[in-house]
Protein backbone atom coordinates (compact mmCIF):
# COMPACT_ATOMS: atom_id res chain seq x y z
CA UNK A 1 5.25 -2.90 34.58
CA UNK A 2 2.60 0.38 34.33
CA UNK A 3 4.18 3.41 35.93
CA UNK A 4 2.02 5.56 38.22
CA UNK A 5 3.77 8.24 38.09
CA UNK A 6 6.28 9.49 35.37
CA UNK A 7 10.05 10.53 36.41
CA UNK A 8 11.49 13.66 35.01
CA UNK A 9 13.51 11.03 32.89
CA UNK A 10 10.30 9.26 31.30
CA UNK A 11 9.16 12.77 30.32
CA UNK A 12 12.35 13.57 28.85
CA UNK A 13 12.66 10.44 26.63
CA UNK A 14 10.46 11.17 23.88
CA UNK A 15 12.23 14.78 23.34
CA UNK A 16 15.72 12.91 23.48
CA UNK A 17 14.86 10.45 21.16
CA UNK A 18 13.36 13.13 18.49
CA UNK A 19 16.69 15.41 19.15
CA UNK A 20 18.84 12.36 18.52
CA UNK A 21 16.89 11.39 15.26
CA UNK A 22 17.38 14.93 13.66
CA UNK A 23 21.01 14.89 14.59
CA UNK A 24 21.04 11.50 12.57
CA UNK A 25 19.17 12.84 9.87
CA UNK A 26 21.25 16.11 9.71
CA UNK A 27 24.25 13.80 9.69
CA UNK A 28 23.43 11.51 7.01
CA UNK A 29 22.07 14.35 4.72
CA UNK A 30 25.69 16.30 5.17
CA UNK A 31 27.25 13.02 4.53
CA UNK A 32 25.21 12.47 1.33
CA UNK A 33 25.92 16.11 0.13
CA UNK A 34 29.52 15.45 0.94
CA UNK A 35 29.53 12.64 -1.37
CA UNK A 36 28.63 14.53 -4.77
CA UNK A 37 26.87 13.38 -7.28
CA UNK A 38 23.54 14.70 -9.11
CA UNK A 39 19.99 13.83 -9.44
CA UNK A 40 19.61 15.64 -12.54
CA UNK A 41 18.84 13.28 -15.75
CA UNK A 42 21.85 14.13 -18.07
CA UNK A 43 20.88 15.75 -21.32
CA UNK A 44 23.49 13.50 -23.31
CA UNK A 45 21.49 10.76 -25.57
CA UNK A 46 22.76 7.11 -24.35
CA UNK A 47 24.10 4.60 -26.47
CA UNK A 48 21.91 2.46 -28.62
CA UNK A 49 22.00 -1.37 -27.00
CA UNK A 50 21.39 -4.47 -29.61
CA UNK A 51 19.69 -7.61 -27.75
CA UNK A 52 23.06 -8.91 -26.87
CA UNK A 53 23.75 -6.10 -24.87
CA UNK A 54 20.50 -5.57 -23.03
CA UNK A 55 20.44 -6.51 -19.57
CA UNK A 56 19.52 -10.20 -19.23
CA UNK A 57 15.65 -10.77 -17.87
CA UNK A 58 14.97 -12.48 -14.78
CA UNK A 59 12.38 -14.68 -15.58
CA UNK A 60 9.49 -15.94 -13.65
CA UNK A 61 9.60 -19.46 -12.58
CA UNK A 62 7.38 -20.58 -15.35
CA UNK A 63 7.48 -18.79 -19.07
CA UNK A 64 5.20 -21.17 -21.42
CA UNK A 65 3.87 -19.67 -24.82
CA UNK A 66 6.46 -16.76 -24.59
CA UNK A 67 8.74 -14.96 -22.51
CA UNK A 68 8.06 -12.13 -19.90
CA UNK A 69 9.32 -8.44 -21.96
CA UNK A 70 11.27 -10.79 -24.00
CA UNK A 71 12.30 -9.63 -27.47
CA UNK A 72 11.44 -11.30 -30.72
CA UNK A 73 8.35 -11.89 -32.75
CA UNK A 74 4.84 -11.94 -31.12
CA UNK A 75 3.09 -15.47 -31.86
CA UNK A 76 0.48 -15.75 -34.42
CA UNK A 77 -2.02 -16.66 -31.97
CA UNK A 78 -5.95 -17.33 -33.07
CA UNK A 79 -8.75 -14.74 -34.14
CA UNK A 80 -11.97 -14.62 -32.02
CA UNK A 81 -15.67 -14.45 -33.72
CA UNK A 82 -15.76 -10.83 -32.56
CA UNK A 83 -12.58 -10.07 -34.13
CA UNK A 84 -10.11 -10.27 -31.11
CA UNK A 85 -6.78 -11.94 -31.54
CA UNK A 86 -5.42 -13.85 -28.63
CA UNK A 87 -1.79 -15.22 -28.06
CA UNK A 88 -1.93 -16.85 -24.89
CA UNK A 89 1.07 -16.50 -23.00
CA UNK A 90 1.13 -18.36 -18.51
CA UNK A 91 3.66 -16.98 -16.40
CA UNK A 92 3.88 -18.29 -12.79
CA UNK A 93 5.73 -15.69 -10.40
CA UNK A 94 5.28 -14.73 -6.83
CA UNK A 95 7.19 -13.95 -3.64
CA UNK A 96 8.18 -15.57 -0.78
CA UNK A 97 8.42 -13.91 2.73
CA UNK A 98 10.05 -15.13 5.97
CA UNK A 99 10.28 -13.10 8.97
CA UNK A 100 12.06 -13.67 12.41
CA UNK A 101 10.61 -10.92 14.50
CA UNK A 102 10.50 -10.03 18.06
CA UNK A 103 8.80 -7.10 20.22
CA UNK A 104 8.23 -6.24 23.74
CA UNK A 105 6.53 -4.08 25.84
CA UNK A 106 5.74 -3.07 29.89
CA UNK A 107 2.65 -4.88 29.51
CA UNK A 108 4.33 -8.23 28.89
CA UNK A 109 2.38 -9.30 25.71
CA UNK A 110 5.21 -9.45 23.60
CA UNK A 111 5.84 -11.96 21.02
CA UNK A 112 8.93 -13.49 19.29
CA UNK A 113 8.14 -15.42 16.25
CA UNK A 114 9.30 -17.17 12.82
CA UNK A 115 6.77 -16.80 10.32
CA UNK A 116 6.00 -17.18 6.72
CA UNK A 117 4.19 -16.00 3.94
CA UNK A 118 3.78 -16.73 0.17
CA UNK A 119 1.97 -14.94 -2.63
CA UNK A 120 2.00 -17.07 -5.72
CA UNK A 121 0.22 -16.12 -9.00
CA UNK A 122 -0.80 -18.11 -12.70
CA UNK A 123 -1.08 -14.98 -15.19
CA UNK A 124 -2.68 -16.16 -18.50
CA UNK A 125 -1.54 -13.31 -20.78
CA UNK A 126 -4.61 -13.38 -23.70
CA UNK A 127 -3.36 -10.23 -25.58
CA UNK A 128 -2.12 -6.78 -24.36
CA UNK A 129 -5.60 -6.05 -22.88
CA UNK A 130 -6.94 -9.30 -21.72
CA UNK A 131 -5.61 -11.56 -19.13
CA UNK A 132 -6.99 -13.63 -16.43
CA UNK A 133 -5.01 -14.09 -12.98
CA UNK A 134 -5.28 -16.72 -10.27
CA UNK A 135 -3.54 -16.29 -7.11
CA UNK A 136 -3.02 -18.54 -3.64
CA UNK A 137 -1.26 -17.53 -0.56
CA UNK A 138 -0.87 -21.26 1.02
CA UNK A 139 1.48 -20.29 4.02
CA UNK A 140 -1.50 -17.92 5.72
CA UNK A 141 -5.11 -17.80 6.75
CA UNK A 142 -5.92 -14.58 6.94
CA UNK A 143 -3.87 -12.97 9.73
CA UNK A 144 -2.50 -16.33 10.98
CA UNK A 145 0.41 -17.48 9.51
CA UNK A 146 2.59 -20.99 9.15
CA UNK A 147 5.72 -20.57 11.54
CA UNK A 148 6.84 -20.95 14.95
CA UNK A 149 5.61 -18.87 18.12
CA UNK A 150 8.52 -19.22 20.95
CA UNK A 151 6.59 -18.96 23.97
CA UNK A 152 7.84 -20.69 27.16
CA UNK A 153 4.36 -21.56 28.20
CA UNK A 154 3.49 -23.37 24.67
CA UNK A 155 4.48 -26.90 24.24
CA UNK A 156 4.26 -27.00 20.66
CA UNK A 157 5.60 -23.73 18.95
CA UNK A 158 4.90 -24.85 15.55
CA UNK A 159 1.67 -23.14 13.91
CA UNK A 160 0.12 -24.60 10.85
CA UNK A 161 -2.12 -22.44 8.65
CA UNK A 162 -1.31 -24.30 5.35
CA UNK A 163 -4.01 -24.06 2.88
CA UNK A 164 -5.37 -24.10 -0.87
CA UNK A 165 -7.78 -21.24 -0.77
CA UNK A 166 -7.88 -19.08 -3.95
CA UNK A 167 -6.92 -15.62 -2.60
CA UNK A 168 -7.01 -14.04 -6.40
CA UNK A 169 -8.96 -14.89 -9.55
CA UNK A 170 -10.24 -12.62 -12.18
CA UNK A 171 -10.74 -11.75 -15.75
CA UNK A 172 -9.99 -8.43 -17.18
CA UNK A 173 -10.16 -6.57 -20.49
CA UNK A 174 -11.48 -3.75 -22.64
CA UNK A 175 -14.91 -4.05 -24.45
CA UNK A 176 -13.33 -2.43 -27.33
CA UNK A 177 -10.23 -4.47 -27.81
CA UNK A 178 -12.67 -7.94 -27.07
CA UNK A 179 -14.97 -6.98 -29.87
CA UNK A 180 -13.15 -4.85 -32.38
CA UNK A 181 -15.66 -5.78 -35.10
CA UNK A 182 -18.20 -3.74 -33.64
CA UNK A 183 -16.05 -0.57 -34.21
CA UNK A 184 -13.62 -0.96 -37.29
CA UNK A 185 -13.01 2.48 -37.73
CA UNK A 186 -12.64 3.09 -33.82
CA UNK A 187 -15.21 5.76 -34.00
CA UNK A 188 -17.31 4.57 -31.14
CA UNK A 189 -16.94 4.79 -27.38
CA UNK A 190 -16.61 1.00 -26.91
CA UNK A 191 -13.09 1.39 -24.87
CA UNK A 192 -14.27 0.21 -21.49
CA UNK A 193 -12.24 -1.62 -19.14
CA UNK A 194 -13.86 -4.26 -17.06
CA UNK A 195 -13.02 -6.62 -14.46
CA UNK A 196 -14.87 -9.31 -12.76
CA UNK A 197 -13.59 -11.65 -10.25
CA UNK A 198 -11.76 -11.93 -6.66
CA UNK A 199 -8.94 -8.74 -7.08
CA UNK A 200 -7.06 -6.60 -5.12
CA UNK A 201 -8.65 -3.22 -4.94
CA UNK A 202 -6.96 0.01 -3.71
CA UNK A 203 -8.26 3.73 -4.08
CA UNK A 204 -7.21 6.80 -2.24
CA UNK A 205 -3.66 4.92 -1.78
CA UNK A 206 -5.51 2.38 0.60
CA UNK A 207 -7.27 4.88 2.89
CA UNK A 208 -10.67 4.47 1.39
CA UNK A 209 -10.42 1.06 0.11
CA UNK A 210 -7.46 -1.70 0.58
CA UNK A 211 -8.74 -5.22 0.14
CA UNK A 212 -9.58 -8.21 -1.93
CA UNK A 213 -13.34 -8.21 -3.25
CA UNK A 214 -15.41 -10.75 -5.08
CA UNK A 215 -16.03 -7.51 -7.73
CA UNK A 216 -16.91 -6.24 -10.72
CA UNK A 217 -15.67 -2.84 -11.99
CA UNK A 218 -16.17 -0.88 -15.16
CA UNK A 219 -13.54 1.90 -16.23
CA UNK A 220 -13.56 4.89 -19.20
CA UNK A 221 -10.56 6.65 -19.82
CA UNK A 222 -9.44 9.03 -21.75
CA UNK A 223 -12.48 11.47 -21.36
CA UNK A 224 -11.67 14.85 -22.88
CA UNK A 225 -14.27 17.76 -23.31
CA UNK A 226 -13.12 20.36 -25.77
CA UNK A 227 -14.72 23.29 -23.61
CA UNK A 228 -12.57 21.98 -20.66
CA UNK A 229 -9.02 22.73 -21.92
CA UNK A 230 -7.35 22.47 -18.21
CA UNK A 231 -8.82 18.66 -18.13
CA UNK A 232 -6.07 16.64 -19.86
CA UNK A 233 -8.20 13.02 -19.02
CA UNK A 234 -10.73 12.24 -16.85
CA UNK A 235 -10.71 8.40 -15.54
CA UNK A 236 -14.35 7.19 -14.13
CA UNK A 237 -14.98 3.79 -12.18
CA UNK A 238 -17.91 1.98 -11.13
CA UNK A 239 -17.31 -0.99 -8.86
CA UNK A 240 -19.80 -3.38 -7.10
CA UNK A 241 -18.60 -5.75 -4.73
CA UNK A 242 -20.90 -8.95 -3.42
CA UNK A 243 -18.61 -10.87 -1.35
CA UNK A 244 -15.10 -10.86 0.57
CA UNK A 245 -15.57 -7.74 2.19
CA UNK A 246 -13.66 -6.88 5.31
CA UNK A 247 -14.83 -4.32 7.42
CA UNK A 248 -12.95 -1.28 8.84
CA UNK A 249 -11.91 -3.35 11.77
CA UNK A 250 -10.26 -6.25 9.22
CA UNK A 251 -12.91 -8.50 10.03
CA UNK A 252 -15.24 -10.16 6.91
CA UNK A 253 -18.84 -9.09 7.04
CA UNK A 254 -20.52 -11.93 5.22
CA UNK A 255 -23.41 -10.71 3.03
CA UNK A 256 -22.36 -7.15 3.13
CA UNK A 257 -22.57 -5.20 -0.38
CA UNK A 258 -20.12 -2.28 -1.46
CA UNK A 259 -20.96 0.46 -4.34
CA UNK A 260 -18.31 2.86 -5.62
CA UNK A 261 -17.92 5.41 -7.98
CA UNK A 262 -14.28 6.78 -8.23
CA UNK A 263 -13.17 9.36 -10.40
CA UNK A 264 -9.43 10.83 -11.26
CA UNK A 265 -8.80 14.36 -13.37
CA UNK A 266 -5.48 14.71 -14.53
CA UNK A 267 -5.59 19.02 -14.69
CA UNK A 268 -3.27 21.42 -16.29
CA UNK A 269 -3.69 25.19 -15.90
CA UNK A 270 -1.71 27.42 -17.71
CA UNK A 271 2.35 26.57 -17.63
CA UNK A 272 2.67 26.69 -14.45
CA UNK A 273 0.85 23.94 -12.73
CA UNK A 274 -0.62 20.70 -12.99
CA UNK A 275 -2.25 18.23 -10.60
CA UNK A 276 -4.14 15.23 -10.34
CA UNK A 277 -7.51 15.47 -8.31
CA UNK A 278 -9.29 12.08 -7.04
CA UNK A 279 -12.91 12.26 -6.16
CA UNK A 280 -14.17 8.73 -4.48
CA UNK A 281 -17.62 7.88 -3.29
CA UNK A 282 -18.41 4.24 -1.75
CA UNK A 283 -21.48 2.81 0.26
CA UNK A 284 -21.57 -0.12 2.13
CA UNK A 285 -24.83 -1.86 2.87
CA UNK A 286 -23.65 -4.21 5.67
CA UNK A 287 -25.37 -6.99 7.62
CA UNK A 288 -27.11 -6.55 10.40
CA UNK A 289 -25.06 -5.43 13.65
CA UNK A 290 -22.20 -4.29 11.42
CA UNK A 291 -23.46 -1.15 10.40
CA UNK A 292 -24.10 0.61 6.75
CA UNK A 293 -21.51 3.20 5.96
CA UNK A 294 -20.99 5.77 3.39
CA UNK A 295 -17.31 6.98 2.73
CA UNK A 296 -16.20 10.00 0.60
CA UNK A 297 -12.48 10.86 -0.18
CA UNK A 298 -10.69 13.89 -2.35
CA UNK A 299 -7.31 14.04 -2.87
CA UNK A 300 -4.77 16.65 -5.12
CA UNK A 301 -1.57 15.55 -6.11
CA UNK A 302 1.07 17.84 -7.44
CA UNK A 303 4.44 19.24 -7.46
CA UNK A 304 5.16 22.98 -5.95
CA UNK A 305 8.51 23.59 -7.48
CA UNK A 306 11.00 20.58 -6.05
CA UNK A 307 8.27 19.69 -3.36
CA UNK A 308 6.23 16.75 -4.35
CA UNK A 309 2.67 17.07 -2.08
CA UNK A 310 -0.39 15.36 -1.87
CA UNK A 311 -3.45 16.54 0.23
CA UNK A 312 -6.44 14.36 1.39
CA UNK A 313 -9.74 15.23 3.04
CA UNK A 314 -11.76 11.43 3.92
CA UNK A 315 -15.34 11.42 5.57
CA UNK A 316 -17.33 8.68 6.61
CA UNK A 317 -20.73 8.60 8.07
CA UNK A 318 -22.13 5.29 9.33
CA UNK A 319 -26.29 5.99 9.04
CA UNK A 320 -27.28 2.50 9.65
CA UNK A 321 -26.05 1.80 13.04
CA UNK A 322 -28.78 2.83 15.26
CA UNK A 323 -26.54 4.81 17.90
CA UNK A 324 -24.48 1.69 18.47
CA UNK A 325 -20.66 1.98 19.08
CA UNK A 326 -19.25 -0.25 16.32
CA UNK A 327 -15.84 -1.17 15.26
CA UNK A 328 -16.55 -2.26 12.02
CA UNK A 329 -18.18 1.40 10.76
CA UNK A 330 -18.33 4.84 12.48
CA UNK A 331 -18.53 8.33 11.73
CA UNK A 332 -15.37 10.56 11.22
CA UNK A 333 -13.15 12.78 9.48
CA UNK A 334 -9.28 12.39 8.50
CA UNK A 335 -7.21 15.08 6.77
CA UNK A 336 -4.00 13.89 5.75
CA UNK A 337 -0.82 15.62 3.97
CA UNK A 338 2.42 14.22 2.57
CA UNK A 339 5.11 15.68 0.98
CA UNK A 340 8.62 15.17 -0.21
CA UNK A 341 11.92 16.36 -2.00
CA UNK A 342 14.93 15.00 -3.28
CA UNK A 343 17.81 16.80 -1.75
CA UNK A 344 20.24 18.37 -4.33
CA UNK A 345 22.94 15.95 -5.89
CA UNK A 346 21.49 13.26 -4.58
CA UNK A 347 18.98 10.31 -5.22
CA UNK A 348 17.77 10.35 -1.79
CA UNK A 349 14.14 11.41 -0.67
CA UNK A 350 13.23 13.10 2.52
CA UNK A 351 9.91 13.08 3.43
CA UNK A 352 7.17 14.45 6.30
CA UNK A 353 3.89 13.50 6.89
CA UNK A 354 0.82 14.38 9.22
CA UNK A 355 -2.68 13.76 9.71
CA UNK A 356 -5.81 14.76 11.97
CA UNK A 357 -8.61 12.79 12.65
CA UNK A 358 -11.91 13.91 14.22
CA UNK A 359 -13.74 11.01 15.69
CA UNK A 360 -13.30 8.07 14.17
CA UNK A 361 -12.97 7.98 10.28
CA UNK A 362 -13.88 4.27 8.94
CA UNK A 363 -12.54 2.84 5.29
CA UNK A 364 -15.11 1.02 3.07
CA UNK A 365 -13.25 -2.17 3.30
CA UNK A 366 -10.01 -3.15 4.54
CA UNK A 367 -7.88 -6.59 4.33
CA UNK A 368 -7.42 -8.84 7.42
CA UNK A 369 -3.21 -7.82 6.83
CA UNK A 370 -4.01 -4.00 6.04
CA UNK A 371 -4.17 -2.61 9.77
CA UNK A 372 -5.64 0.64 9.97
CA UNK A 373 -5.97 3.72 7.80
CA UNK A 374 -3.04 5.18 8.45
CA UNK A 375 -0.10 3.06 7.39
CA UNK A 376 0.61 5.55 4.47
CA UNK A 377 2.02 8.00 7.23
CA UNK A 378 5.17 6.17 7.13
CA UNK A 379 6.96 2.82 8.78
CA UNK A 380 6.25 4.24 12.30
CA UNK A 381 2.33 3.51 11.40
CA UNK A 382 2.28 0.75 8.90
CA UNK A 383 1.31 -2.60 9.26
CA UNK A 384 4.25 -5.12 8.07
CA UNK A 385 1.58 -7.43 6.43
CA UNK A 386 2.97 -10.47 8.06
CA UNK A 387 2.62 -12.06 11.34
CA UNK A 388 2.14 -10.10 14.74
CA UNK A 389 4.90 -7.30 14.70
CA UNK A 390 2.81 -4.04 15.36
CA UNK A 391 3.05 -0.50 14.15
CA UNK A 392 5.16 1.02 16.56
CA UNK A 393 2.54 4.22 16.79
CA UNK A 394 -0.74 2.28 15.62
CA UNK A 395 -2.47 3.13 13.13
CA UNK A 396 -6.14 3.84 13.79
CA UNK A 397 -7.82 7.23 13.42
CA UNK A 398 -10.27 7.61 16.63
CA UNK A 399 -9.32 11.17 17.28
CA UNK A 400 -5.89 11.11 16.50
CA UNK A 401 -2.94 13.43 15.04
CA UNK A 402 0.16 12.27 14.08
CA UNK A 403 3.55 13.39 12.14
CA UNK A 404 6.10 11.35 10.90
CA UNK A 405 9.33 12.72 9.32
CA UNK A 406 12.09 10.23 7.49
CA UNK A 407 15.19 10.30 5.44
CA UNK A 408 15.57 7.38 2.94
CA UNK A 409 18.72 6.85 1.24
CA UNK A 410 20.43 4.81 -1.53
CA UNK A 411 23.64 3.49 -2.54
CA UNK A 412 25.35 0.94 -3.78
CA UNK A 413 24.10 1.33 -7.44
CA UNK A 414 20.43 1.54 -5.41
CA UNK A 415 20.82 -2.09 -4.47
CA UNK A 416 21.24 -0.83 -0.59
CA UNK A 417 18.71 1.34 1.15
CA UNK A 418 18.15 2.88 4.75
CA UNK A 419 15.07 4.67 5.70
CA UNK A 420 15.50 6.32 9.15
CA UNK A 421 12.05 7.74 10.44
CA UNK A 422 10.51 9.38 13.55
CA UNK A 423 7.06 9.81 14.57
CA UNK A 424 4.77 11.79 17.04
CA UNK A 425 1.13 10.57 17.79
CA UNK A 426 -1.37 11.85 19.92
CA UNK A 427 -5.20 11.97 21.22
CA UNK A 428 -6.67 15.40 20.85
CA UNK A 429 -9.18 14.77 22.73
CA UNK A 430 -7.82 12.77 25.73
CA UNK A 431 -4.51 14.36 27.48
CA UNK A 432 -1.01 12.67 27.90
CA UNK A 433 -1.59 9.86 25.65
CA UNK A 434 1.43 11.51 23.73
CA UNK A 435 4.11 8.75 22.13
CA UNK A 436 6.97 9.02 20.13
CA UNK A 437 8.67 6.49 17.96
CA UNK A 438 12.05 5.97 16.11
CA UNK A 439 12.07 3.58 13.44
CA UNK A 440 14.71 2.18 10.51
CA UNK A 441 14.49 0.01 7.72
CA UNK A 442 17.22 -1.65 5.77
CA UNK A 443 17.21 -3.44 2.75
CA UNK A 444 19.93 -5.14 0.56
CA UNK A 445 19.60 -6.70 -2.56
CA UNK A 446 21.24 -10.01 -3.09
CA UNK A 447 21.86 -11.36 -6.66
CA UNK A 448 18.53 -10.81 -9.03
CA UNK A 449 15.85 -12.26 -6.67
CA UNK A 450 16.62 -12.08 -3.25
CA UNK A 451 16.18 -8.94 -0.67
CA UNK A 452 17.42 -9.08 2.69
CA UNK A 453 15.50 -6.68 5.41
CA UNK A 454 16.38 -5.43 8.70
CA UNK A 455 14.36 -3.31 11.04
CA UNK A 456 13.35 -2.16 14.38
CA UNK A 457 11.76 0.23 16.55
CA UNK A 458 11.47 2.06 19.95
CA UNK A 459 8.68 3.94 21.19
CA UNK A 460 8.21 5.82 24.62
CA UNK A 461 4.60 6.91 25.65
CA UNK A 462 4.55 10.33 28.07
CA UNK A 463 2.20 7.93 30.39
CA UNK A 464 1.33 4.68 28.80
CA UNK A 465 3.61 1.89 28.15
CA UNK A 466 7.05 2.04 26.30
CA UNK A 467 7.69 -0.53 23.79
CA UNK A 468 10.28 -1.82 21.42
CA UNK A 469 11.33 -4.36 18.60
CA UNK A 470 13.53 -5.80 16.34
CA UNK A 471 12.95 -8.08 12.85
CA UNK A 472 15.00 -9.37 10.02
CA UNK A 473 13.03 -10.84 6.90
CA UNK A 474 14.22 -12.53 3.99
CA UNK A 475 12.45 -11.86 0.52
CA UNK A 476 12.45 -13.88 -2.36
CA UNK A 477 11.00 -12.73 -6.03
CA UNK A 478 9.87 -15.72 -7.56
């Protein structure tokens, strides 16, 4: 049902939800403070633990050639012609997820489903800096997941999307470590990291790029200049991707090419202030009808006293769309800020994030499961990465503004975690489109490999459709 005229109660619903959440946050914060304890690290040294007293390792499902992070001697291995010494070890690990989730809205387009996802990786570790990683996701094909869709109109609720597609396959290493005989005294600038193959690429915390790409990347770390005392470290990365590029609408663009230049500076100014700055640029040479795109992003991450803060400014320019309105690429700016602090005498986290979008900022590349760029704002805006469960307030940027405020609590030796969050979103060019949502997520560790997760949300729109959802998820670390 779509309302034509809002009642007084309808208009008051978002305010009531926000006030209720604020009261809940105050109560939980007060309870945490009353519980005592301290968030400060102790100055007292801990006791030395021998091998028998160390916590037992949780091994991956396959360990060949050596234990992952295990104690003991390193195997001798063998020497390559270039001087590198490899000690091959092979580990298989992954994550299995199974989610039972349901959501409903006034348009009647809700859904109930039981869906599954498996991320499985084989890691061939050759040395401390070289490895080959292969990965598959055999239970989903893009955004389609193997499982059951509960719909009264369907005769067969089961959907089979099993496959053997390789979703990750790349080699990474360091040129100087791969050919140490070229510089036995380590005086030349040969420490250039590289990776080539199908790999997950993320820049600007996923705002700029969040996708699996067939790409080659070159990175130079630890660049310092004697005349720039404030610069602790400069990292420069060049990236070229030639395939598997998904555009801002989460759809593939076969034949597109992506070029990127990414820099990061670790800085310190005096003894009072330090910050990490990122300046990232990317160009997408899209296919016909999908648009060419330039994307730039600048960010600053720092602490002000007890407050952690991040500021991001992003811009996109679709310089090749020829007047077309393309969902894959568009012009726009996005301003984003997040801050958080740990309340005194707790290990909890209070956070507040906000964004402002001008026009429709577009990312250079976004995975089909990544949703829109605004997922970083909070669980009220984030995609779940499994099934069709929606982000309560959406995560697209078109002329949108929004805020999220939440409290994350830990107890039971950090094996239990609860996030309670409220969010508000609107469009600064279209009136009466604001909506408020209340979300929660509870996680409980079981044993050494299993996590049980429960979550849900309720959203109320000023003039649009209200919706609500609830979900339970089983996560197994393999």
